[in-house]
Amino acid sequence: MKETVLDVLMYIFDNYIEEDLEIVPDQESLKNQLMEAGFRDQQIEKAFAWLEGLATYKEHADSIHLSELPSLRLFSNQELDRLDADCRGFLLFLEQAKVLNSHERELVIDRIMALESDDIDLQQLKWVVLMVLFNQPDKEAAITWMEDIVMDDINANLH
């Protein structure tokens, strides 16, 4: 089975981050647990780098004042290749619904581009949005809303 970096990230999110554990394992312990769960070392390392990129982007963006005025987002050719019309439309919807602001939209796009997938489907995008929102302050309502969307999709696929 070919596991992706996103699969590792979803596993970490489901089992450690979302559970809001009081004791979060150190990186080496977490790596061992992920390997025991069947993930490959290379994918685990890339997932850790992805998470570090999320934290780094957040720290950098905190120092920049971003306008909350409506803006038009033009996608690069690489972004268009990775994000189909459904994904781009969903990002626009989230921004118009004020689930994402322009900074968070850019963070989602940055984290999507950091994944090694050639293209991203809507379900994968929803997971990335959820992980990005979880890393933002004062986004509890948006997180709950996105969790409901992600879980509804999972439940619909099970039936």
N, C-alpha and C. Protein backbone atom coordinates (compact mmCIF):
# COMPACT_ATOMS: atom_id res chain seq x y z
N MET A 1 0.84 -1.17 0.00
CA MET A 1 0.00 0.00 0.00
C MET A 1 0.89 1.24 0.00
N LYS A 2 0.57 2.19 -0.87
CA LYS A 2 1.36 3.41 -0.99
C LYS A 2 0.72 4.51 -0.15
N GLU A 3 1.33 4.79 0.97
CA GLU A 3 0.84 5.85 1.84
C GLU A 3 1.45 7.17 1.40
N THR A 4 0.68 8.23 1.51
CA THR A 4 1.16 9.55 1.13
C THR A 4 1.48 10.35 2.39
N VAL A 5 2.12 11.48 2.19
CA VAL A 5 2.40 12.38 3.30
C VAL A 5 1.09 12.81 3.94
N LEU A 6 0.08 13.05 3.13
CA LEU A 6 -1.21 13.46 3.67
C LEU A 6 -1.82 12.36 4.54
N ASP A 7 -1.62 11.10 4.18
CA ASP A 7 -2.11 10.00 5.02
C ASP A 7 -1.45 10.04 6.40
N VAL A 8 -0.16 10.30 6.43
CA VAL A 8 0.57 10.39 7.71
C VAL A 8 0.03 11.58 8.51
N LEU A 9 -0.15 12.71 7.84
CA LEU A 9 -0.66 13.90 8.53
C LEU A 9 -2.06 13.68 9.08
N MET A 10 -2.91 13.02 8.31
CA MET A 10 -4.26 12.73 8.78
C MET A 10 -4.22 11.80 9.98
N TYR A 11 -3.33 10.82 9.96
CA TYR A 11 -3.19 9.91 11.09
C TYR A 11 -2.74 10.66 12.35
N ILE A 12 -1.74 11.54 12.18
CA ILE A 12 -1.26 12.34 13.32
C ILE A 12 -2.39 13.21 13.84
N PHE A 13 -3.10 13.86 12.95
CA PHE A 13 -4.19 14.73 13.35
C PHE A 13 -5.26 13.96 14.10
N ASP A 14 -5.67 12.83 13.55
CA ASP A 14 -6.73 12.02 14.18
C ASP A 14 -6.33 11.48 15.55
N ASN A 15 -5.07 11.08 15.67
CA ASN A 15 -4.66 10.37 16.88
C ASN A 15 -3.97 11.22 17.94
N TYR A 16 -3.47 12.37 17.56
CA TYR A 16 -2.70 13.15 18.54
C TYR A 16 -3.19 14.58 18.67
N ILE A 17 -3.32 15.27 17.57
CA ILE A 17 -3.65 16.69 17.63
C ILE A 17 -5.10 16.90 18.02
N GLU A 18 -6.00 16.26 17.30
CA GLU A 18 -7.42 16.48 17.53
C GLU A 18 -7.85 16.00 18.91
N GLU A 19 -7.22 14.96 19.41
CA GLU A 19 -7.57 14.42 20.72
C GLU A 19 -7.17 15.34 21.85
N ASP A 20 -6.34 16.35 21.54
CA ASP A 20 -5.89 17.33 22.53
C ASP A 20 -5.28 16.64 23.75
N LEU A 21 -4.38 15.71 23.45
CA LEU A 21 -3.73 14.95 24.51
C LEU A 21 -2.87 15.86 25.38
N GLU A 22 -2.85 15.57 26.65
CA GLU A 22 -2.03 16.36 27.55
C GLU A 22 -0.56 16.05 27.36
N ILE A 23 -0.25 14.80 27.04
CA ILE A 23 1.13 14.41 26.81
C ILE A 23 1.28 14.06 25.34
N VAL A 24 1.93 14.95 24.63
CA VAL A 24 2.19 14.72 23.20
C VAL A 24 3.56 14.06 23.11
N PRO A 25 3.66 12.94 22.40
CA PRO A 25 4.95 12.27 22.32
C PRO A 25 6.00 13.14 21.62
N ASP A 26 7.25 12.95 22.02
CA ASP A 26 8.32 13.66 21.34
C ASP A 26 8.42 13.13 19.91
N GLN A 27 9.18 13.83 19.08
CA GLN A 27 9.23 13.49 17.67
C GLN A 27 9.74 12.07 17.42
N GLU A 28 10.72 11.64 18.18
CA GLU A 28 11.27 10.29 17.98
C GLU A 28 10.24 9.22 18.38
N SER A 29 9.55 9.43 19.50
CA SER A 29 8.52 8.48 19.92
C SER A 29 7.38 8.44 18.91
N LEU A 30 6.99 9.62 18.45
CA LEU A 30 5.92 9.69 17.46
C LEU A 30 6.33 8.98 16.17
N LYS A 31 7.58 9.18 15.77
CA LYS A 31 8.09 8.51 14.57
C LYS A 31 8.02 6.99 14.74
N ASN A 32 8.42 6.50 15.89
CA ASN A 32 8.35 5.05 16.15
C ASN A 32 6.92 4.55 16.11
N GLN A 33 6.00 5.31 16.70
CA GLN A 33 4.59 4.91 16.69
C GLN A 33 4.03 4.90 15.27
N LEU A 34 4.43 5.87 14.47
CA LEU A 34 3.97 5.92 13.09
C LEU A 34 4.53 4.75 12.27
N MET A 35 5.78 4.41 12.53
CA MET A 35 6.37 3.26 11.82
C MET A 35 5.65 1.97 12.23
N GLU A 36 5.31 1.85 13.51
CA GLU A 36 4.55 0.69 13.97
C GLU A 36 3.17 0.64 13.33
N ALA A 37 2.61 1.81 13.01
CA ALA A 37 1.30 1.88 12.36
C ALA A 37 1.39 1.55 10.87
N GLY A 38 2.63 1.39 10.35
CA GLY A 38 2.80 0.97 8.96
C GLY A 38 3.27 2.05 8.00
N PHE A 39 3.59 3.22 8.50
CA PHE A 39 4.07 4.28 7.61
C PHE A 39 5.56 4.14 7.39
N ARG A 40 6.00 4.55 6.20
CA ARG A 40 7.42 4.48 5.86
C ARG A 40 8.16 5.69 6.42
N ASP A 41 9.44 5.47 6.70
CA ASP A 41 10.30 6.50 7.28
C ASP A 41 10.31 7.77 6.43
N GLN A 42 10.43 7.62 5.12
CA GLN A 42 10.50 8.77 4.22
C GLN A 42 9.22 9.60 4.30
N GLN A 43 8.07 8.96 4.33
CA GLN A 43 6.80 9.69 4.41
C GLN A 43 6.66 10.38 5.77
N ILE A 44 7.13 9.74 6.81
CA ILE A 44 7.06 10.33 8.15
C ILE A 44 7.92 11.59 8.21
N GLU A 45 9.13 11.51 7.68
CA GLU A 45 10.02 12.68 7.68
C GLU A 45 9.41 13.83 6.89
N LYS A 46 8.79 13.53 5.76
CA LYS A 46 8.16 14.57 4.95
C LYS A 46 6.97 15.17 5.68
N ALA A 47 6.23 14.35 6.41
CA ALA A 47 5.10 14.86 7.20
C ALA A 47 5.60 15.80 8.30
N PHE A 48 6.68 15.43 8.96
CA PHE A 48 7.26 16.31 9.99
C PHE A 48 7.71 17.64 9.37
N ALA A 49 8.31 17.57 8.20
CA ALA A 49 8.74 18.80 7.51
C ALA A 49 7.53 19.65 7.13
N TRP A 50 6.44 19.01 6.72
CA TRP A 50 5.21 19.73 6.38
C TRP A 50 4.68 20.47 7.61
N LEU A 51 4.67 19.79 8.75
CA LEU A 51 4.19 20.41 9.99
C LEU A 51 5.10 21.57 10.42
N GLU A 52 6.40 21.39 10.24
CA GLU A 52 7.33 22.48 10.55
C GLU A 52 7.10 23.67 9.62
N GLY A 53 6.80 23.39 8.36
CA GLY A 53 6.48 24.45 7.41
C GLY A 53 5.22 25.21 7.81
N LEU A 54 4.25 24.49 8.33
CA LEU A 54 3.02 25.12 8.81
C LEU A 54 3.33 26.08 9.96
N ALA A 55 4.14 25.64 10.89
CA ALA A 55 4.51 26.48 12.03
C ALA A 55 5.36 27.67 11.58
N THR A 56 6.28 27.45 10.67
CA THR A 56 7.15 28.52 10.18
C THR A 56 6.34 29.56 9.42
N TYR A 57 5.43 29.12 8.58
CA TYR A 57 4.59 30.04 7.82
C TYR A 57 3.77 30.90 8.77
N LYS A 58 3.23 30.27 9.81
CA LYS A 58 2.41 30.99 10.79
C LYS A 58 3.25 32.05 11.50
N GLU A 59 4.45 31.70 11.92
CA GLU A 59 5.33 32.65 12.61
C GLU A 59 5.67 33.82 11.70
N HIS A 60 5.97 33.53 10.42
CA HIS A 60 6.31 34.58 9.46
C HIS A 60 5.10 35.48 9.21
N ALA A 61 3.93 34.89 9.03
CA ALA A 61 2.73 35.66 8.73
C ALA A 61 2.29 36.52 9.91
N ASP A 62 2.57 36.07 11.13
CA ASP A 62 2.19 36.85 12.31
C ASP A 62 2.87 38.22 12.31
N SER A 63 4.01 38.33 11.65
CA SER A 63 4.75 39.58 11.63
C SER A 63 4.32 40.50 10.48
N ILE A 64 3.43 40.02 9.63
CA ILE A 64 2.97 40.79 8.47
C ILE A 64 1.52 41.21 8.72
N HIS A 65 1.23 42.47 8.49
CA HIS A 65 -0.15 42.93 8.60
C HIS A 65 -0.86 42.64 7.28
N LEU A 66 -1.85 41.78 7.34
CA LEU A 66 -2.59 41.43 6.13
C LEU A 66 -3.95 42.11 6.14
N SER A 67 -4.30 42.73 5.04
CA SER A 67 -5.58 43.39 4.91
C SER A 67 -6.69 42.34 4.83
N GLU A 68 -7.82 42.65 5.43
CA GLU A 68 -8.97 41.76 5.34
C GLU A 68 -9.97 42.26 4.30
N LEU A 69 -9.52 43.18 3.45
CA LEU A 69 -10.38 43.64 2.38
C LEU A 69 -10.54 42.51 1.37
N PRO A 70 -11.69 42.47 0.70
CA PRO A 70 -11.87 41.44 -0.33
C PRO A 70 -10.77 41.52 -1.37
N SER A 71 -10.33 40.38 -1.81
CA SER A 71 -9.26 40.35 -2.80
C SER A 71 -9.57 39.29 -3.85
N LEU A 72 -8.94 39.43 -4.97
CA LEU A 72 -9.06 38.45 -6.04
C LEU A 72 -7.80 37.61 -6.05
N ARG A 73 -7.95 36.31 -6.03
CA ARG A 73 -6.80 35.40 -5.99
C ARG A 73 -6.61 34.81 -7.38
N LEU A 74 -5.47 35.07 -7.96
CA LEU A 74 -5.10 34.45 -9.23
C LEU A 74 -4.17 33.28 -8.94
N PHE A 75 -4.47 32.13 -9.50
CA PHE A 75 -3.68 30.94 -9.26
C PHE A 75 -2.59 30.80 -10.30
N SER A 76 -1.41 30.38 -9.85
CA SER A 76 -0.31 30.12 -10.78
C SER A 76 -0.61 28.84 -11.56
N ASN A 77 0.15 28.62 -12.62
CA ASN A 77 -0.04 27.40 -13.41
C ASN A 77 0.16 26.15 -12.57
N GLN A 78 1.15 26.17 -11.67
CA GLN A 78 1.40 25.00 -10.81
C GLN A 78 0.21 24.77 -9.87
N GLU A 79 -0.36 25.85 -9.35
CA GLU A 79 -1.52 25.71 -8.47
C GLU A 79 -2.74 25.21 -9.25
N LEU A 80 -2.91 25.71 -10.47
CA LEU A 80 -4.01 25.24 -11.31
C LEU A 80 -3.87 23.75 -11.63
N ASP A 81 -2.63 23.31 -11.82
CA ASP A 81 -2.40 21.89 -12.08
C ASP A 81 -2.74 21.03 -10.87
N ARG A 82 -2.49 21.54 -9.70
CA ARG A 82 -2.69 20.76 -8.47
C ARG A 82 -4.12 20.85 -7.96
N LEU A 83 -4.76 22.01 -8.11
CA LEU A 83 -6.11 22.24 -7.57
C LEU A 83 -7.11 22.36 -8.72
N ASP A 84 -8.05 21.42 -8.78
CA ASP A 84 -9.05 21.49 -9.85
C ASP A 84 -10.09 22.56 -9.52
N ALA A 85 -11.05 22.74 -10.42
CA ALA A 85 -12.07 23.78 -10.26
C ALA A 85 -12.88 23.59 -8.97
N ASP A 86 -13.18 22.35 -8.61
CA ASP A 86 -13.93 22.09 -7.38
C ASP A 86 -13.15 22.58 -6.15
N CYS A 87 -11.87 22.31 -6.12
CA CYS A 87 -11.03 22.73 -4.99
C CYS A 87 -10.92 24.25 -4.93
N ARG A 88 -10.70 24.87 -6.06
CA ARG A 88 -10.59 26.34 -6.09
C ARG A 88 -11.92 26.97 -5.69
N GLY A 89 -13.01 26.40 -6.16
CA GLY A 89 -14.33 26.90 -5.80
C GLY A 89 -14.60 26.74 -4.31
N PHE A 90 -14.16 25.63 -3.74
CA PHE A 90 -14.36 25.41 -2.31
C PHE A 90 -13.56 26.42 -1.49
N LEU A 91 -12.34 26.72 -1.91
CA LEU A 91 -11.55 27.74 -1.21
C LEU A 91 -12.24 29.10 -1.27
N LEU A 92 -12.78 29.45 -2.44
CA LEU A 92 -13.50 30.71 -2.58
C LEU A 92 -14.73 30.72 -1.67
N PHE A 93 -15.46 29.62 -1.65
CA PHE A 93 -16.63 29.50 -0.78
C PHE A 93 -16.24 29.71 0.68
N LEU A 94 -15.16 29.06 1.12
CA LEU A 94 -14.73 29.19 2.52
C LEU A 94 -14.35 30.62 2.85
N GLU A 95 -13.73 31.30 1.90
CA GLU A 95 -13.35 32.69 2.14
C GLU A 95 -14.59 33.59 2.18
N GLN A 96 -15.52 33.37 1.27
CA GLN A 96 -16.75 34.18 1.25
C GLN A 96 -17.60 33.92 2.49
N ALA A 97 -17.56 32.68 3.01
CA ALA A 97 -18.31 32.33 4.22
C ALA A 97 -17.58 32.76 5.49
N LYS A 98 -16.41 33.36 5.31
CA LYS A 98 -15.58 33.85 6.41
C LYS A 98 -15.06 32.73 7.33
N VAL A 99 -14.95 31.53 6.75
CA VAL A 99 -14.30 30.42 7.44
C VAL A 99 -12.80 30.62 7.36
N LEU A 100 -12.34 31.07 6.20
CA LEU A 100 -10.93 31.40 5.97
C LEU A 100 -10.81 32.88 5.67
N ASN A 101 -9.75 33.49 6.18
CA ASN A 101 -9.42 34.84 5.72
C ASN A 101 -8.35 34.70 4.63
N SER A 102 -7.92 35.81 4.07
CA SER A 102 -6.96 35.73 2.96
C SER A 102 -5.63 35.11 3.40
N HIS A 103 -5.20 35.40 4.61
CA HIS A 103 -3.96 34.80 5.13
C HIS A 103 -4.09 33.28 5.25
N GLU A 104 -5.21 32.83 5.80
CA GLU A 104 -5.41 31.39 5.97
C GLU A 104 -5.58 30.69 4.62
N ARG A 105 -6.22 31.37 3.67
CA ARG A 105 -6.33 30.81 2.32
C ARG A 105 -4.94 30.58 1.74
N GLU A 106 -4.07 31.58 1.89
CA GLU A 106 -2.71 31.46 1.37
C GLU A 106 -1.95 30.35 2.09
N LEU A 107 -2.19 30.21 3.37
CA LEU A 107 -1.54 29.14 4.14
C LEU A 107 -2.01 27.78 3.65
N VAL A 108 -3.31 27.64 3.39
CA VAL A 108 -3.84 26.37 2.85
C VAL A 108 -3.19 26.07 1.51
N ILE A 109 -3.13 27.07 0.63
CA ILE A 109 -2.53 26.86 -0.69
C ILE A 109 -1.04 26.50 -0.55
N ASP A 110 -0.34 27.19 0.35
CA ASP A 110 1.07 26.88 0.59
C ASP A 110 1.25 25.44 1.05
N ARG A 111 0.42 24.99 1.97
CA ARG A 111 0.53 23.62 2.50
C ARG A 111 0.11 22.59 1.45
N ILE A 112 -0.85 22.92 0.59
CA ILE A 112 -1.21 22.02 -0.51
C ILE A 112 -0.04 21.86 -1.46
N MET A 113 0.61 22.98 -1.79
CA MET A 113 1.73 22.94 -2.72
C MET A 113 2.92 22.20 -2.11
N ALA A 114 3.01 22.16 -0.78
CA ALA A 114 4.10 21.45 -0.12
C ALA A 114 3.92 19.94 -0.15
N LEU A 115 2.70 19.48 -0.42
CA LEU A 115 2.46 18.04 -0.55
C LEU A 115 3.01 17.58 -1.90
N GLU A 116 3.37 16.34 -1.98
CA GLU A 116 3.98 15.83 -3.21
C GLU A 116 2.97 15.28 -4.22
N SER A 117 1.71 15.39 -3.91
CA SER A 117 0.69 14.86 -4.82
C SER A 117 0.62 15.69 -6.09
N ASP A 118 0.40 15.02 -7.21
CA ASP A 118 0.27 15.73 -8.47
C ASP A 118 -1.02 16.55 -8.51
N ASP A 119 -2.07 15.99 -7.96
CA ASP A 119 -3.32 16.73 -7.86
C ASP A 119 -3.98 16.39 -6.54
N ILE A 120 -4.81 17.29 -6.10
CA ILE A 120 -5.46 17.16 -4.80
C ILE A 120 -6.95 17.09 -5.05
N ASP A 121 -7.62 16.13 -4.41
CA ASP A 121 -9.08 16.09 -4.55
C ASP A 121 -9.72 16.90 -3.43
N LEU A 122 -11.00 17.10 -3.53
CA LEU A 122 -11.72 17.96 -2.60
C LEU A 122 -11.64 17.44 -1.16
N GLN A 123 -11.72 16.14 -0.98
CA GLN A 123 -11.64 15.56 0.37
C GLN A 123 -10.27 15.85 1.00
N GLN A 124 -9.21 15.70 0.23
CA GLN A 124 -7.87 15.98 0.74
C GLN A 124 -7.73 17.46 1.09
N LEU A 125 -8.27 18.33 0.25
CA LEU A 125 -8.24 19.76 0.53
C LEU A 125 -8.94 20.06 1.85
N LYS A 126 -10.07 19.44 2.08
CA LYS A 126 -10.82 19.67 3.32
C LYS A 126 -9.98 19.30 4.54
N TRP A 127 -9.23 18.21 4.44
CA TRP A 127 -8.35 17.81 5.56
C TRP A 127 -7.26 18.86 5.79
N VAL A 128 -6.67 19.36 4.71
CA VAL A 128 -5.63 20.37 4.86
C VAL A 128 -6.22 21.64 5.47
N VAL A 129 -7.39 22.05 5.02
CA VAL A 129 -8.04 23.22 5.61
C VAL A 129 -8.26 23.00 7.10
N LEU A 130 -8.74 21.83 7.47
CA LEU A 130 -8.97 21.54 8.88
C LEU A 130 -7.67 21.61 9.68
N MET A 131 -6.60 21.06 9.16
CA MET A 131 -5.31 21.10 9.87
C MET A 131 -4.79 22.52 9.99
N VAL A 132 -4.95 23.32 8.95
CA VAL A 132 -4.50 24.71 9.00
C VAL A 132 -5.33 25.49 10.03
N LEU A 133 -6.65 25.33 9.99
CA LEU A 133 -7.50 26.04 10.94
C LEU A 133 -7.18 25.65 12.38
N PHE A 134 -6.88 24.38 12.58
CA PHE A 134 -6.57 23.90 13.93
C PHE A 134 -5.33 24.59 14.48
N ASN A 135 -4.48 25.05 13.60
CA ASN A 135 -3.23 25.69 13.98
C ASN A 135 -3.38 27.21 14.14
N GLN A 136 -4.59 27.72 13.94
CA GLN A 136 -4.83 29.16 14.02
C GLN A 136 -5.56 29.49 15.33
N PRO A 137 -5.25 30.65 15.91
CA PRO A 137 -5.96 31.04 17.14
C PRO A 137 -7.39 31.50 16.86
N ASP A 138 -8.26 31.28 17.81
CA ASP A 138 -9.64 31.79 17.77
C ASP A 138 -10.44 31.30 16.57
N LYS A 139 -10.27 30.04 16.22
CA LYS A 139 -10.99 29.49 15.07
C LYS A 139 -11.86 28.30 15.47
N GLU A 140 -12.29 28.26 16.72
CA GLU A 140 -13.04 27.11 17.22
C GLU A 140 -14.30 26.83 16.39
N ALA A 141 -15.08 27.89 16.08
CA ALA A 141 -16.31 27.70 15.31
C ALA A 141 -16.01 27.18 13.91
N ALA A 142 -14.98 27.73 13.28
CA ALA A 142 -14.61 27.28 11.93
C ALA A 142 -14.11 25.84 11.96
N ILE A 143 -13.37 25.48 13.00
CA ILE A 143 -12.86 24.11 13.14
C ILE A 143 -14.03 23.14 13.28
N THR A 144 -14.97 23.47 14.14
CA THR A 144 -16.14 22.61 14.34
C THR A 144 -16.91 22.44 13.05
N TRP A 145 -17.08 23.53 12.32
CA TRP A 145 -17.79 23.49 11.05
C TRP A 145 -17.07 22.59 10.05
N MET A 146 -15.74 22.75 9.94
CA MET A 146 -14.96 21.94 9.00
C MET A 146 -14.94 20.48 9.44
N GLU A 147 -14.85 20.22 10.73
CA GLU A 147 -14.89 18.83 11.21
C GLU A 147 -16.19 18.16 10.78
N ASP A 148 -17.30 18.89 10.89
CA ASP A 148 -18.59 18.34 10.48
C ASP A 148 -18.59 18.02 8.99
N ILE A 149 -18.01 18.89 8.18
CA ILE A 149 -17.95 18.65 6.72
C ILE A 149 -17.09 17.42 6.43
N VAL A 150 -15.93 17.34 7.05
CA VAL A 150 -15.02 16.20 6.81
C VAL A 150 -15.67 14.90 7.27
N MET A 151 -16.28 14.92 8.45
CA MET A 151 -16.89 13.69 8.98
C MET A 151 -18.13 13.29 8.17
N ASP A 152 -18.91 14.28 7.71
CA ASP A 152 -20.05 13.96 6.85
C ASP A 152 -19.60 13.27 5.58
N ASP A 153 -18.49 13.73 5.00
CA ASP A 153 -17.94 13.09 3.80
C ASP A 153 -17.49 11.66 4.09
N ILE A 154 -16.85 11.46 5.24
CA ILE A 154 -16.39 10.13 5.61
C ILE A 154 -17.58 9.20 5.81
N ASN A 155 -18.58 9.66 6.53
CA ASN A 155 -19.78 8.85 6.78
C ASN A 155 -20.52 8.55 5.50
N ALA A 156 -20.57 9.50 4.57
CA ALA A 156 -21.25 9.27 3.29
C ALA A 156 -20.51 8.20 2.48
N ASN A 157 -19.19 8.17 2.58
CA ASN A 157 -18.40 7.17 1.85
C ASN A 157 -18.55 5.78 2.46
N LEU A 158 -18.88 5.71 3.76
CA LEU A 158 -19.05 4.42 4.41
C LEU A 158 -20.37 3.77 4.07
N HIS A 159 -21.36 4.56 3.68
CA HIS A 159 -22.70 4.03 3.40
C HIS A 159 -22.89 3.71 1.96
